[in-house]
Amino acid sequence: MKRLFHPTVEKIKSTIGDVLNSPDVKGIHYLFLVGGFAESPILQHEIRRAFSSILKVIIPQDVSLTILKGAVLFGLDPTIVNVRRSRLTYGVSVLNRYIVVDCGGGTVDMTVHEL
């Protein structure tokens, strides 16, 4: 299973490293890992291994519910959010080619499908 997630985990680690090494970014002491993929023990282990010596890695409980909880809080009190746009953003690209991954006798279809 670890081999399946390896390329994605490495890209995440690389992106975090690039941000931390950017001359525009200073004084970061905490790394919050949130979202659905943050529940992955593989990702958690690798992020902690790579960055816990320089950052405090924080993974809230029920990370998949973080956005939902924020939406509920905002619905109850819209003034709770005073900034709606992040100063820094990032883009994501998608590889649409079919990739065959050796899975110990079988293959895994890693094709991205539109819903």
PDB file of N, CA and C in Angstrom:
ATOM      1  N   MET A   1       0.824  -1.185   0.000  1.00  0.00           N
ATOM      2  CA  MET A   1       0.000   0.000   0.000  1.00  0.00           C
ATOM      3  C   MET A   1       0.873   1.257   0.000  1.00  0.00           C
ATOM      4  N   LYS A   2       1.983   1.199   0.741  1.00  0.00           N
ATOM      5  CA  LYS A   2       2.859   2.364   0.838  1.00  0.00           C
ATOM      6  C   LYS A   2       3.383   2.771  -0.538  1.00  0.00           C
ATOM      7  N   ARG A   3       3.665   1.789  -1.392  1.00  0.00           N
ATOM      8  CA  ARG A   3       4.175   2.099  -2.737  1.00  0.00           C
ATOM      9  C   ARG A   3       3.138   2.828  -3.572  1.00  0.00           C
ATOM     10  N   LEU A   4       1.873   2.539  -3.360  1.00  0.00           N
ATOM     11  CA  LEU A   4       0.811   3.190  -4.111  1.00  0.00           C
ATOM     12  C   LEU A   4       0.775   4.689  -3.808  1.00  0.00           C
ATOM     13  N   PHE A   5       0.951   5.054  -2.551  1.00  0.00           N
ATOM     14  CA  PHE A   5       0.876   6.454  -2.142  1.00  0.00           C
ATOM     15  C   PHE A   5       2.211   7.190  -2.225  1.00  0.00           C
ATOM     16  N   HIS A   6       3.297   6.462  -2.423  1.00  0.00           N
ATOM     17  CA  HIS A   6       4.635   7.057  -2.390  1.00  0.00           C
ATOM     18  C   HIS A   6       4.782   8.296  -3.282  1.00  0.00           C
ATOM     19  N   PRO A   7       4.390   8.259  -4.569  1.00  0.00           N
ATOM     20  CA  PRO A   7       4.572   9.461  -5.405  1.00  0.00           C
ATOM     21  C   PRO A   7       3.808  10.676  -4.869  1.00  0.00           C
ATOM     22  N   THR A   8       2.612  10.463  -4.388  1.00  0.00           N
ATOM     23  CA  THR A   8       1.807  11.571  -3.867  1.00  0.00           C
ATOM     24  C   THR A   8       2.412  12.123  -2.583  1.00  0.00           C
ATOM     25  N   VAL A   9       2.818  11.246  -1.684  1.00  0.00           N
ATOM     26  CA  VAL A   9       3.420  11.676  -0.419  1.00  0.00           C
ATOM     27  C   VAL A   9       4.711  12.441  -0.679  1.00  0.00           C
ATOM     28  N   GLU A  10       5.527  11.946  -1.599  1.00  0.00           N
ATOM     29  CA  GLU A  10       6.783  12.633  -1.915  1.00  0.00           C
ATOM     30  C   GLU A  10       6.525  14.019  -2.498  1.00  0.00           C
ATOM     31  N   LYS A  11       5.513  14.147  -3.335  1.00  0.00           N
ATOM     32  CA  LYS A  11       5.169  15.453  -3.919  1.00  0.00           C
ATOM     33  C   LYS A  11       4.690  16.417  -2.836  1.00  0.00           C
ATOM     34  N   ILE A  12       3.901  15.928  -1.906  1.00  0.00           N
ATOM     35  CA  ILE A  12       3.439  16.767  -0.797  1.00  0.00           C
ATOM     36  C   ILE A  12       4.633  17.234   0.031  1.00  0.00           C
ATOM     37  N   LYS A  13       5.535  16.318   0.360  1.00  0.00           N
ATOM     38  CA  LYS A  13       6.722  16.686   1.137  1.00  0.00           C
ATOM     39  C   LYS A  13       7.582  17.690   0.381  1.00  0.00           C
ATOM     40  N   SER A  14       7.738  17.482  -0.908  1.00  0.00           N
ATOM     41  CA  SER A  14       8.527  18.397  -1.730  1.00  0.00           C
ATOM     42  C   SER A  14       7.910  19.790  -1.760  1.00  0.00           C
ATOM     43  N   THR A  15       6.598  19.853  -1.909  1.00  0.00           N
ATOM     44  CA  THR A  15       5.905  21.147  -1.950  1.00  0.00           C
ATOM     45  C   THR A  15       6.034  21.876  -0.617  1.00  0.00           C
ATOM     46  N   ILE A  16       5.865  21.158   0.480  1.00  0.00           N
ATOM     47  CA  ILE A  16       6.031  21.778   1.801  1.00  0.00           C
ATOM     48  C   ILE A  16       7.459  22.285   1.956  1.00  0.00           C
ATOM     49  N   GLY A  17       8.429  21.473   1.549  1.00  0.00           N
ATOM     50  CA  GLY A  17       9.830  21.889   1.619  1.00  0.00           C
ATOM     51  C   GLY A  17      10.101  23.134   0.798  1.00  0.00           C
ATOM     52  N   ASP A  18       9.535  23.195  -0.409  1.00  0.00           N
ATOM     53  CA  ASP A  18       9.706  24.379  -1.260  1.00  0.00           C
ATOM     54  C   ASP A  18       9.142  25.625  -0.590  1.00  0.00           C
ATOM     55  N   VAL A  19       7.975  25.487   0.016  1.00  0.00           N
ATOM     56  CA  VAL A  19       7.358  26.637   0.702  1.00  0.00           C
ATOM     57  C   VAL A  19       8.232  27.079   1.875  1.00  0.00           C
ATOM     58  N   LEU A  20       8.703  26.127   2.668  1.00  0.00           N
ATOM     59  CA  LEU A  20       9.520  26.471   3.832  1.00  0.00           C
ATOM     60  C   LEU A  20      10.849  27.100   3.440  1.00  0.00           C
ATOM     61  N   ASN A  21      11.386  26.729   2.283  1.00  0.00           N
ATOM     62  CA  ASN A  21      12.660  27.276   1.823  1.00  0.00           C
ATOM     63  C   ASN A  21      12.515  28.575   1.050  1.00  0.00           C
ATOM     64  N   SER A  22      11.301  28.998   0.804  1.00  0.00           N
ATOM     65  CA  SER A  22      11.059  30.233   0.064  1.00  0.00           C
ATOM     66  C   SER A  22      11.512  31.429   0.898  1.00  0.00           C
ATOM     67  N   PRO A  23      12.198  32.395   0.268  1.00  0.00           N
ATOM     68  CA  PRO A  23      12.636  33.580   1.015  1.00  0.00           C
ATOM     69  C   PRO A  23      11.469  34.428   1.521  1.00  0.00           C
ATOM     70  N   ASP A  24      10.293  34.267   0.925  1.00  0.00           N
ATOM     71  CA  ASP A  24       9.122  35.042   1.344  1.00  0.00           C
ATOM     72  C   ASP A  24       8.454  34.481   2.597  1.00  0.00           C
ATOM     73  N   VAL A  25       8.833  33.272   2.984  1.00  0.00           N
ATOM     74  CA  VAL A  25       8.175  32.606   4.109  1.00  0.00           C
ATOM     75  C   VAL A  25       9.165  32.515   5.269  1.00  0.00           C
ATOM     76  N   LYS A  26       8.796  33.158   6.380  1.00  0.00           N
ATOM     77  CA  LYS A  26       9.659  33.133   7.560  1.00  0.00           C
ATOM     78  C   LYS A  26       8.805  32.974   8.809  1.00  0.00           C
ATOM     79  N   GLY A  27       9.386  32.424   9.821  1.00  0.00           N
ATOM     80  CA  GLY A  27       8.726  32.358  11.116  1.00  0.00           C
ATOM     81  C   GLY A  27       7.626  31.327  11.237  1.00  0.00           C
ATOM     82  N   ILE A  28       7.676  30.265  10.434  1.00  0.00           N
ATOM     83  CA  ILE A  28       6.667  29.207  10.548  1.00  0.00           C
ATOM     84  C   ILE A  28       7.140  28.202  11.597  1.00  0.00           C
ATOM     85  N   HIS A  29       6.282  27.947  12.573  1.00  0.00           N
ATOM     86  CA  HIS A  29       6.636  27.030  13.650  1.00  0.00           C
ATOM     87  C   HIS A  29       5.701  25.827  13.728  1.00  0.00           C
ATOM     88  N   TYR A  30       4.553  25.916  13.057  1.00  0.00           N
ATOM     89  CA  TYR A  30       3.540  24.857  13.135  1.00  0.00           C
ATOM     90  C   TYR A  30       3.111  24.435  11.740  1.00  0.00           C
ATOM     91  N   LEU A  31       2.837  23.147  11.586  1.00  0.00           N
ATOM     92  CA  LEU A  31       2.300  22.605  10.346  1.00  0.00           C
ATOM     93  C   LEU A  31       1.019  21.850  10.705  1.00  0.00           C
ATOM     94  N   PHE A  32      -0.114  22.340  10.205  1.00  0.00           N
ATOM     95  CA  PHE A  32      -1.399  21.685  10.439  1.00  0.00           C
ATOM     96  C   PHE A  32      -1.699  20.774   9.258  1.00  0.00           C
ATOM     97  N   LEU A  33      -1.930  19.515   9.526  1.00  0.00           N
ATOM     98  CA  LEU A  33      -2.259  18.543   8.491  1.00  0.00           C
ATOM     99  C   LEU A  33      -3.759  18.275   8.583  1.00  0.00           C
ATOM    100  N   VAL A  34      -4.519  18.749   7.585  1.00  0.00           N
ATOM    101  CA  VAL A  34      -5.976  18.613   7.607  1.00  0.00           C
ATOM    102  C   VAL A  34      -6.476  18.098   6.269  1.00  0.00           C
ATOM    103  N   GLY A  35      -7.734  17.685   6.227  1.00  0.00           N
ATOM    104  CA  GLY A  35      -8.337  17.169   5.004  1.00  0.00           C
ATOM    105  C   GLY A  35      -8.409  15.656   5.058  1.00  0.00           C
ATOM    106  N   GLY A  36      -9.086  15.081   4.107  1.00  0.00           N
ATOM    107  CA  GLY A  36      -9.307  13.639   4.091  1.00  0.00           C
ATOM    108  C   GLY A  36      -8.038  12.809   4.063  1.00  0.00           C
ATOM    109  N   PHE A  37      -7.064  13.211   3.231  1.00  0.00           N
ATOM    110  CA  PHE A  37      -5.825  12.440   3.099  1.00  0.00           C
ATOM    111  C   PHE A  37      -4.976  12.543   4.366  1.00  0.00           C
ATOM    112  N   ALA A  38      -5.223  13.555   5.186  1.00  0.00           N
ATOM    113  CA  ALA A  38      -4.472  13.718   6.432  1.00  0.00           C
ATOM    114  C   ALA A  38      -4.747  12.578   7.410  1.00  0.00           C
ATOM    115  N   GLU A  39      -5.808  11.821   7.185  1.00  0.00           N
ATOM    116  CA  GLU A  39      -6.099  10.673   8.044  1.00  0.00           C
ATOM    117  C   GLU A  39      -5.227   9.466   7.705  1.00  0.00           C
ATOM    118  N   SER A  40      -4.492   9.536   6.615  1.00  0.00           N
ATOM    119  CA  SER A  40      -3.644   8.424   6.203  1.00  0.00           C
ATOM    120  C   SER A  40      -2.454   8.280   7.152  1.00  0.00           C
ATOM    121  N   PRO A  41      -2.306   7.117   7.802  1.00  0.00           N
ATOM    122  CA  PRO A  41      -1.145   6.897   8.669  1.00  0.00           C
ATOM    123  C   PRO A  41       0.168   6.998   7.896  1.00  0.00           C
ATOM    124  N   ILE A  42       0.146   6.630   6.623  1.00  0.00           N
ATOM    125  CA  ILE A  42       1.350   6.716   5.795  1.00  0.00           C
ATOM    126  C   ILE A  42       1.771   8.172   5.643  1.00  0.00           C
ATOM    127  N   LEU A  43       0.828   9.041   5.280  1.00  0.00           N
ATOM    128  CA  LEU A  43       1.137  10.465   5.122  1.00  0.00           C
ATOM    129  C   LEU A  43       1.564  11.072   6.454  1.00  0.00           C
ATOM    130  N   GLN A  44       0.849  10.769   7.520  1.00  0.00           N
ATOM    131  CA  GLN A  44       1.190  11.318   8.830  1.00  0.00           C
ATOM    132  C   GLN A  44       2.615  10.947   9.229  1.00  0.00           C
ATOM    133  N   HIS A  45       2.962   9.682   9.063  1.00  0.00           N
ATOM    134  CA  HIS A  45       4.303   9.213   9.431  1.00  0.00           C
ATOM    135  C   HIS A  45       5.372   9.933   8.620  1.00  0.00           C
ATOM    136  N   GLU A  46       5.170  10.029   7.315  1.00  0.00           N
ATOM    137  CA  GLU A  46       6.176  10.649   6.449  1.00  0.00           C
ATOM    138  C   GLU A  46       6.320  12.149   6.706  1.00  0.00           C
ATOM    139  N   ILE A  47       5.213  12.832   6.952  1.00  0.00           N
ATOM    140  CA  ILE A  47       5.279  14.270   7.242  1.00  0.00           C
ATOM    141  C   ILE A  47       5.992  14.500   8.571  1.00  0.00           C
ATOM    142  N   ARG A  48       5.658  13.700   9.563  1.00  0.00           N
ATOM    143  CA  ARG A  48       6.347  13.834  10.860  1.00  0.00           C
ATOM    144  C   ARG A  48       7.833  13.527  10.728  1.00  0.00           C
ATOM    145  N   ARG A  49       8.156  12.476   9.976  1.00  0.00           N
ATOM    146  CA  ARG A  49       9.561  12.097   9.799  1.00  0.00           C
ATOM    147  C   ARG A  49      10.344  13.207   9.111  1.00  0.00           C
ATOM    148  N   ALA A  50       9.721  13.842   8.127  1.00  0.00           N
ATOM    149  CA  ALA A  50      10.420  14.848   7.334  1.00  0.00           C
ATOM    150  C   ALA A  50      10.511  16.212   8.022  1.00  0.00           C
ATOM    151  N   PHE A  51       9.493  16.584   8.811  1.00  0.00           N
ATOM    152  CA  PHE A  51       9.429  17.971   9.276  1.00  0.00           C
ATOM    153  C   PHE A  51       9.379  18.163  10.789  1.00  0.00           C
ATOM    154  N   SER A  52       9.242  17.098  11.580  1.00  0.00           N
ATOM    155  CA  SER A  52       9.077  17.298  13.025  1.00  0.00           C
ATOM    156  C   SER A  52      10.325  17.866  13.696  1.00  0.00           C
ATOM    157  N   SER A  53      11.478  17.797  13.049  1.00  0.00           N
ATOM    158  CA  SER A  53      12.685  18.380  13.646  1.00  0.00           C
ATOM    159  C   SER A  53      12.707  19.899  13.513  1.00  0.00           C
ATOM    160  N   ILE A  54      11.916  20.457  12.582  1.00  0.00           N
ATOM    161  CA  ILE A  54      11.920  21.909  12.377  1.00  0.00           C
ATOM    162  C   ILE A  54      10.562  22.557  12.633  1.00  0.00           C
ATOM    163  N   LEU A  55       9.493  21.760  12.661  1.00  0.00           N
ATOM    164  CA  LEU A  55       8.139  22.278  12.871  1.00  0.00           C
ATOM    165  C   LEU A  55       7.392  21.384  13.846  1.00  0.00           C
ATOM    166  N   LYS A  56       6.440  21.959  14.544  1.00  0.00           N
ATOM    167  CA  LYS A  56       5.518  21.139  15.334  1.00  0.00           C
ATOM    168  C   LYS A  56       4.391  20.727  14.396  1.00  0.00           C
ATOM    169  N   VAL A  57       4.287  19.438  14.117  1.00  0.00           N
ATOM    170  CA  VAL A  57       3.261  18.918  13.213  1.00  0.00           C
ATOM    171  C   VAL A  57       2.004  18.632  14.033  1.00  0.00           C
ATOM    172  N   ILE A  58       0.909  19.284  13.654  1.00  0.00           N
ATOM    173  CA  ILE A  58      -0.353  19.145  14.373  1.00  0.00           C
ATOM    174  C   ILE A  58      -1.386  18.508  13.448  1.00  0.00           C
ATOM    175  N   ILE A  59      -1.973  17.402  13.910  1.00  0.00           N
ATOM    176  CA  ILE A  59      -3.017  16.719  13.150  1.00  0.00           C
ATOM    177  C   ILE A  59      -4.254  16.668  14.040  1.00  0.00           C
ATOM    178  N   PRO A  60      -5.218  17.560  13.807  1.00  0.00           N
ATOM    179  CA  PRO A  60      -6.418  17.577  14.653  1.00  0.00           C
ATOM    180  C   PRO A  60      -7.187  16.261  14.558  1.00  0.00           C
ATOM    181  N   GLN A  61      -7.932  15.939  15.614  1.00  0.00           N
ATOM    182  CA  GLN A  61      -8.796  14.762  15.566  1.00  0.00           C
ATOM    183  C   GLN A  61      -9.896  15.003  14.544  1.00  0.00           C
ATOM    184  N   ASP A  62     -10.350  13.952  13.918  1.00  0.00           N
ATOM    185  CA  ASP A  62     -11.427  14.026  12.927  1.00  0.00           C
ATOM    186  C   ASP A  62     -11.110  15.024  11.822  1.00  0.00           C
ATOM    187  N   VAL A  63      -9.907  14.896  11.227  1.00  0.00           N
ATOM    188  CA  VAL A  63      -9.484  15.877  10.225  1.00  0.00           C
ATOM    189  C   VAL A  63     -10.426  15.950   9.035  1.00  0.00           C
ATOM    190  N   SER A  64     -11.104  14.869   8.719  1.00  0.00           N
ATOM    191  CA  SER A  64     -12.015  14.913   7.572  1.00  0.00           C
ATOM    192  C   SER A  64     -13.238  15.771   7.863  1.00  0.00           C
ATOM    193  N   LEU A  65     -13.503  16.027   9.131  1.00  0.00           N
ATOM    194  CA  LEU A  65     -14.655  16.851   9.501  1.00  0.00           C
ATOM    195  C   LEU A  65     -14.296  18.322   9.703  1.00  0.00           C
ATOM    196  N   THR A  66     -13.030  18.676   9.556  1.00  0.00           N
ATOM    197  CA  THR A  66     -12.587  20.042   9.833  1.00  0.00           C
ATOM    198  C   THR A  66     -13.333  21.070   9.001  1.00  0.00           C
ATOM    199  N   ILE A  67     -13.447  20.836   7.703  1.00  0.00           N
ATOM    200  CA  ILE A  67     -14.120  21.795   6.827  1.00  0.00           C
ATOM    201  C   ILE A  67     -15.605  21.863   7.158  1.00  0.00           C
ATOM    202  N   LEU A  68     -16.199  20.712   7.417  1.00  0.00           N
ATOM    203  CA  LEU A  68     -17.618  20.692   7.785  1.00  0.00           C
ATOM    204  C   LEU A  68     -17.868  21.481   9.071  1.00  0.00           C
ATOM    205  N   LYS A  69     -17.017  21.292  10.060  1.00  0.00           N
ATOM    206  CA  LYS A  69     -17.174  22.030  11.316  1.00  0.00           C
ATOM    207  C   LYS A  69     -17.042  23.532  11.073  1.00  0.00           C
ATOM    208  N   GLY A  70     -16.075  23.916  10.230  1.00  0.00           N
ATOM    209  CA  GLY A  70     -15.914  25.329   9.897  1.00  0.00           C
ATOM    210  C   GLY A  70     -17.141  25.895   9.213  1.00  0.00           C
ATOM    211  N   ALA A  71     -17.741  25.114   8.322  1.00  0.00           N
ATOM    212  CA  ALA A  71     -18.944  25.575   7.618  1.00  0.00           C
ATOM    213  C   ALA A  71     -20.111  25.754   8.594  1.00  0.00           C
ATOM    214  N   VAL A  72     -20.238  24.836   9.535  1.00  0.00           N
ATOM    215  CA  VAL A  72     -21.312  24.947  10.529  1.00  0.00           C
ATOM    216  C   VAL A  72     -21.096  26.173  11.409  1.00  0.00           C
ATOM    217  N   LEU A  73     -19.852  26.376  11.868  1.00  0.00           N
ATOM    218  CA  LEU A  73     -19.561  27.552  12.689  1.00  0.00           C
ATOM    219  C   LEU A  73     -19.846  28.838  11.925  1.00  0.00           C
ATOM    220  N   PHE A  74     -19.458  28.853  10.640  1.00  0.00           N
ATOM    221  CA  PHE A  74     -19.717  30.035   9.816  1.00  0.00           C
ATOM    222  C   PHE A  74     -21.219  30.253   9.647  1.00  0.00           C
ATOM    223  N   GLY A  75     -21.974  29.175   9.476  1.00  0.00           N
ATOM    224  CA  GLY A  75     -23.426  29.294   9.345  1.00  0.00           C
ATOM    225  C   GLY A  75     -24.072  29.861  10.598  1.00  0.00           C
ATOM    226  N   LEU A  76     -23.521  29.491  11.745  1.00  0.00           N
ATOM    227  CA  LEU A  76     -24.049  30.003  13.011  1.00  0.00           C
ATOM    228  C   LEU A  76     -23.627  31.446  13.275  1.00  0.00           C
ATOM    229  N   ASP A  77     -22.409  31.797  12.844  1.00  0.00           N
ATOM    230  CA  ASP A  77     -21.896  33.151  13.082  1.00  0.00           C
ATOM    231  C   ASP A  77     -20.981  33.557  11.930  1.00  0.00           C
ATOM    232  N   PRO A  78     -21.505  34.221  10.894  1.00  0.00           N
ATOM    233  CA  PRO A  78     -20.702  34.605   9.726  1.00  0.00           C
ATOM    234  C   PRO A  78     -19.532  35.532  10.056  1.00  0.00           C
ATOM    235  N   THR A  79     -19.568  36.202  11.197  1.00  0.00           N
ATOM    236  CA  THR A  79     -18.454  37.093  11.552  1.00  0.00           C
ATOM    237  C   THR A  79     -17.247  36.327  12.072  1.00  0.00           C
ATOM    238  N   ILE A  80     -17.378  35.013  12.245  1.00  0.00           N
ATOM    239  CA  ILE A  80     -16.268  34.209  12.750  1.00  0.00           C
ATOM    240  C   ILE A  80     -15.102  34.176  11.754  1.00  0.00           C
ATOM    241  N   VAL A  81     -15.401  34.334  10.465  1.00  0.00           N
ATOM    242  CA  VAL A  81     -14.368  34.363   9.426  1.00  0.00           C
ATOM    243  C   VAL A  81     -14.150  35.816   9.034  1.00  0.00           C
ATOM    244  N   ASN A  82     -12.941  36.332   9.328  1.00  0.00           N
ATOM    245  CA  ASN A  82     -12.683  37.722   8.977  1.00  0.00           C
ATOM    246  C   ASN A  82     -11.859  37.869   7.703  1.00  0.00           C
ATOM    247  N   VAL A  83     -11.270  36.789   7.213  1.00  0.00           N
ATOM    248  CA  VAL A  83     -10.536  36.801   5.945  1.00  0.00           C
ATOM    249  C   VAL A  83     -11.002  35.599   5.145  1.00  0.00           C
ATOM    250  N   ARG A  84     -11.406  35.838   3.909  1.00  0.00           N
ATOM    251  CA  ARG A  84     -11.927  34.742   3.085  1.00  0.00           C
ATOM    252  C   ARG A  84     -10.937  34.266   2.034  1.00  0.00           C
ATOM    253  N   ARG A  85      -9.828  34.922   1.914  1.00  0.00           N
ATOM    254  CA  ARG A  85      -8.869  34.531   0.893  1.00  0.00           C
ATOM    255  C   ARG A  85      -7.478  34.403   1.514  1.00  0.00           C
ATOM    256  N   SER A  86      -6.822  33.316   1.216  1.00  0.00           N
ATOM    257  CA  SER A  86      -5.471  33.090   1.704  1.00  0.00           C
ATOM    258  C   SER A  86      -4.493  34.001   0.972  1.00  0.00           C
ATOM    259  N   ARG A  87      -3.464  34.471   1.696  1.00  0.00           N
ATOM    260  CA  ARG A  87      -2.443  35.290   1.042  1.00  0.00           C
ATOM    261  C   ARG A  87      -1.655  34.465   0.030  1.00  0.00           C
ATOM    262  N   LEU A  88      -1.471  33.196   0.326  1.00  0.00           N
ATOM    263  CA  LEU A  88      -0.724  32.313  -0.563  1.00  0.00           C
ATOM    264  C   LEU A  88      -1.650  31.205  -1.044  1.00  0.00           C
ATOM    265  N   THR A  89      -1.542  30.841  -2.308  1.00  0.00           N
ATOM    266  CA  THR A  89      -2.339  29.752  -2.852  1.00  0.00           C
ATOM    267  C   THR A  89      -1.420  28.799  -3.602  1.00  0.00           C
ATOM    268  N   TYR A  90      -1.923  27.650  -3.951  1.00  0.00           N
ATOM    269  CA  TYR A  90      -1.153  26.711  -4.746  1.00  0.00           C
ATOM    270  C   TYR A  90      -2.084  26.051  -5.751  1.00  0.00           C
ATOM    271  N   GLY A  91      -1.507  25.590  -6.848  1.00  0.00           N
ATOM    272  CA  GLY A  91      -2.283  24.917  -7.880  1.00  0.00           C
ATOM    273  C   GLY A  91      -2.013  23.425  -7.858  1.00  0.00           C
ATOM    274  N   VAL A  92      -2.890  22.707  -8.480  1.00  0.00           N
ATOM    275  CA  VAL A  92      -2.766  21.258  -8.550  1.00  0.00           C
ATOM    276  C   VAL A  92      -2.931  20.847 -10.001  1.00  0.00           C
ATOM    277  N   SER A  93      -2.079  19.960 -10.469  1.00  0.00           N
ATOM    278  CA  SER A  93      -2.223  19.460 -11.833  1.00  0.00           C
ATOM    279  C   SER A  93      -2.650  17.998 -11.770  1.00  0.00           C
ATOM    280  N   VAL A  94      -3.173  17.512 -12.872  1.00  0.00           N
ATOM    281  CA  VAL A  94      -3.671  16.145 -12.937  1.00  0.00           C
ATOM    282  C   VAL A  94      -2.987  15.427 -14.086  1.00  0.00           C
ATOM    283  N   LEU A  95      -2.515  14.218 -13.840  1.00  0.00           N
ATOM    284  CA  LEU A  95      -1.932  13.377 -14.872  1.00  0.00           C
ATOM    285  C   LEU A  95      -3.036  12.459 -15.376  1.00  0.00           C
ATOM    286  N   ASN A  96      -3.429  12.612 -16.639  1.00  0.00           N
ATOM    287  CA  ASN A  96      -4.561  11.862 -17.172  1.00  0.00           C
ATOM    288  C   ASN A  96      -4.166  10.570 -17.883  1.00  0.00           C
ATOM    289  N   ARG A  97      -2.892  10.259 -17.918  1.00  0.00           N
ATOM    290  CA  ARG A  97      -2.474   9.024 -18.582  1.00  0.00           C
ATOM    291  C   ARG A  97      -2.688   7.826 -17.662  1.00  0.00           C
ATOM    292  N   TYR A  98      -2.846   6.677 -18.275  1.00  0.00           N
ATOM    293  CA  TYR A  98      -2.996   5.430 -17.532  1.00  0.00           C
ATOM    294  C   TYR A  98      -1.622   4.999 -17.032  1.00  0.00           C
ATOM    295  N   ILE A  99      -1.516   4.677 -15.756  1.00  0.00           N
ATOM    296  CA  ILE A  99      -0.249   4.262 -15.162  1.00  0.00           C
ATOM    297  C   ILE A  99      -0.427   2.853 -14.617  1.00  0.00           C
ATOM    298  N   VAL A 100       0.436   1.942 -15.035  1.00  0.00           N
ATOM    299  CA  VAL A 100       0.396   0.581 -14.520  1.00  0.00           C
ATOM    300  C   VAL A 100       1.348   0.507 -13.334  1.00  0.00           C
ATOM    301  N   VAL A 101       0.852   0.027 -12.210  1.00  0.00           N
ATOM    302  CA  VAL A 101       1.645  -0.083 -10.999  1.00  0.00           C
ATOM    303  C   VAL A 101       1.712  -1.548 -10.611  1.00  0.00           C
ATOM    304  N   ASP A 102       2.937  -2.067 -10.428  1.00  0.00           N
ATOM    305  CA  ASP A 102       3.100  -3.449  -9.995  1.00  0.00           C
ATOM    306  C   ASP A 102       2.605  -3.575  -8.563  1.00  0.00           C
ATOM    307  N   CYS A 103       1.664  -4.455  -8.372  1.00  0.00           N
ATOM    308  CA  CYS A 103       1.041  -4.600  -7.051  1.00  0.00           C
ATOM    309  C   CYS A 103       1.167  -6.052  -6.585  1.00  0.00           C
ATOM    310  N   GLY A 104       2.320  -6.644  -6.826  1.00  0.00           N
ATOM    311  CA  GLY A 104       2.540  -8.013  -6.380  1.00  0.00           C
ATOM    312  C   GLY A 104       1.671  -9.032  -7.078  1.00  0.00           C
ATOM    313  N   GLY A 105       1.653  -9.029  -8.396  1.00  0.00           N
ATOM    314  CA  GLY A 105       0.879 -10.005  -9.142  1.00  0.00           C
ATOM    315  C   GLY A 105      -0.332  -9.416  -9.822  1.00  0.00           C
ATOM    316  N   GLY A 106      -0.686  -8.209  -9.513  1.00  0.00           N
ATOM    317  CA  GLY A 106      -1.831  -7.551 -10.135  1.00  0.00           C
ATOM    318  C   GLY A 106      -1.449  -6.136 -10.538  1.00  0.00           C
ATOM    319  N   THR A 107      -2.394  -5.407 -11.030  1.00  0.00           N
ATOM    320  CA  THR A 107      -2.140  -4.010 -11.363  1.00  0.00           C
ATOM    321  C   THR A 107      -3.215  -3.139 -10.731  1.00  0.00           C
ATOM    322  N   VAL A 108      -2.914  -1.876 -10.633  1.00  0.00           N
ATOM    323  CA  VAL A 108      -3.845  -0.906 -10.074  1.00  0.00           C
ATOM    324  C   VAL A 108      -4.112   0.140 -11.141  1.00  0.00           C
ATOM    325  N   ASP A 109      -5.368   0.450 -11.389  1.00  0.00           N
ATOM    326  CA  ASP A 109      -5.738   1.497 -12.342  1.00  0.00           C
ATOM    327  C   ASP A 109      -5.702   2.829 -11.608  1.00  0.00           C
ATOM    328  N   MET A 110      -4.722   3.677 -11.949  1.00  0.00           N
ATOM    329  CA  MET A 110      -4.594   4.981 -11.305  1.00  0.00           C
ATOM    330  C   MET A 110      -5.119   6.087 -12.207  1.00  0.00           C
ATOM    331  N   THR A 111      -5.988   5.734 -13.159  1.00  0.00           N
ATOM    332  CA  THR A 111      -6.559   6.722 -14.059  1.00  0.00           C
ATOM    333  C   THR A 111      -7.476   7.654 -13.285  1.00  0.00           C
ATOM    334  N   VAL A 112      -7.419   8.940 -13.610  1.00  0.00           N
ATOM    335  CA  VAL A 112      -8.309   9.912 -12.983  1.00  0.00           C
ATOM    336  C   VAL A 112      -9.604   9.924 -13.765  1.00  0.00           C
ATOM    337  N   HIS A 113     -10.716   9.697 -13.094  1.00  0.00           N
ATOM    338  CA  HIS A 113     -12.018   9.661 -13.737  1.00  0.00           C
ATOM    339  C   HIS A 113     -12.842  10.853 -13.286  1.00  0.00           C
ATOM    340  N   GLU A 114     -13.535  11.479 -14.218  1.00  0.00           N
ATOM    341  CA  GLU A 114     -14.421  12.577 -13.856  1.00  0.00           C
ATOM    342  C   GLU A 114     -15.724  12.005 -13.319  1.00  0.00           C
ATOM    343  N   LEU A 115     -16.280  12.675 -12.326  1.00  0.00           N
ATOM    344  CA  LEU A 115     -17.531  12.218 -11.721  1.00  0.00           C
ATOM    345  C   LEU A 115     -18.696  12.979 -12.281  1.00  0.00           C
TER     346      LEU A 115
END
